[in-house]
């Protein structure tokens, strides 16, 4: 099987995506580019960016999407009354599928 040249990986800095960098390079592509998205979580994304490079990514980026995430996902959900157990706003859960 011919290897792809590049793969862009949505990178969290966790075990799964860290192992995925090496696995992708060994099995599918010559280069892995890691991308972490800042949606306002408390993670140290500079550390995440550096970790991606340390485990084998050729490039690593952090995209600031806080404003877009708040306006296009969180606000509409809150306006729609999306709550858990009739009490807790689902703001945290919005970032899961991203």
Foldseek 3Di string as FASTA:
>chain_A
DDAAAEDEAAFDLDDVVLVVQVVCCVPHHVAYEYEYECQPDPDPVVVSQVSSVVSPHPHYYYHYCNVVCCVPFQVVQVVVVCADPSPHRCNVVRVVVD
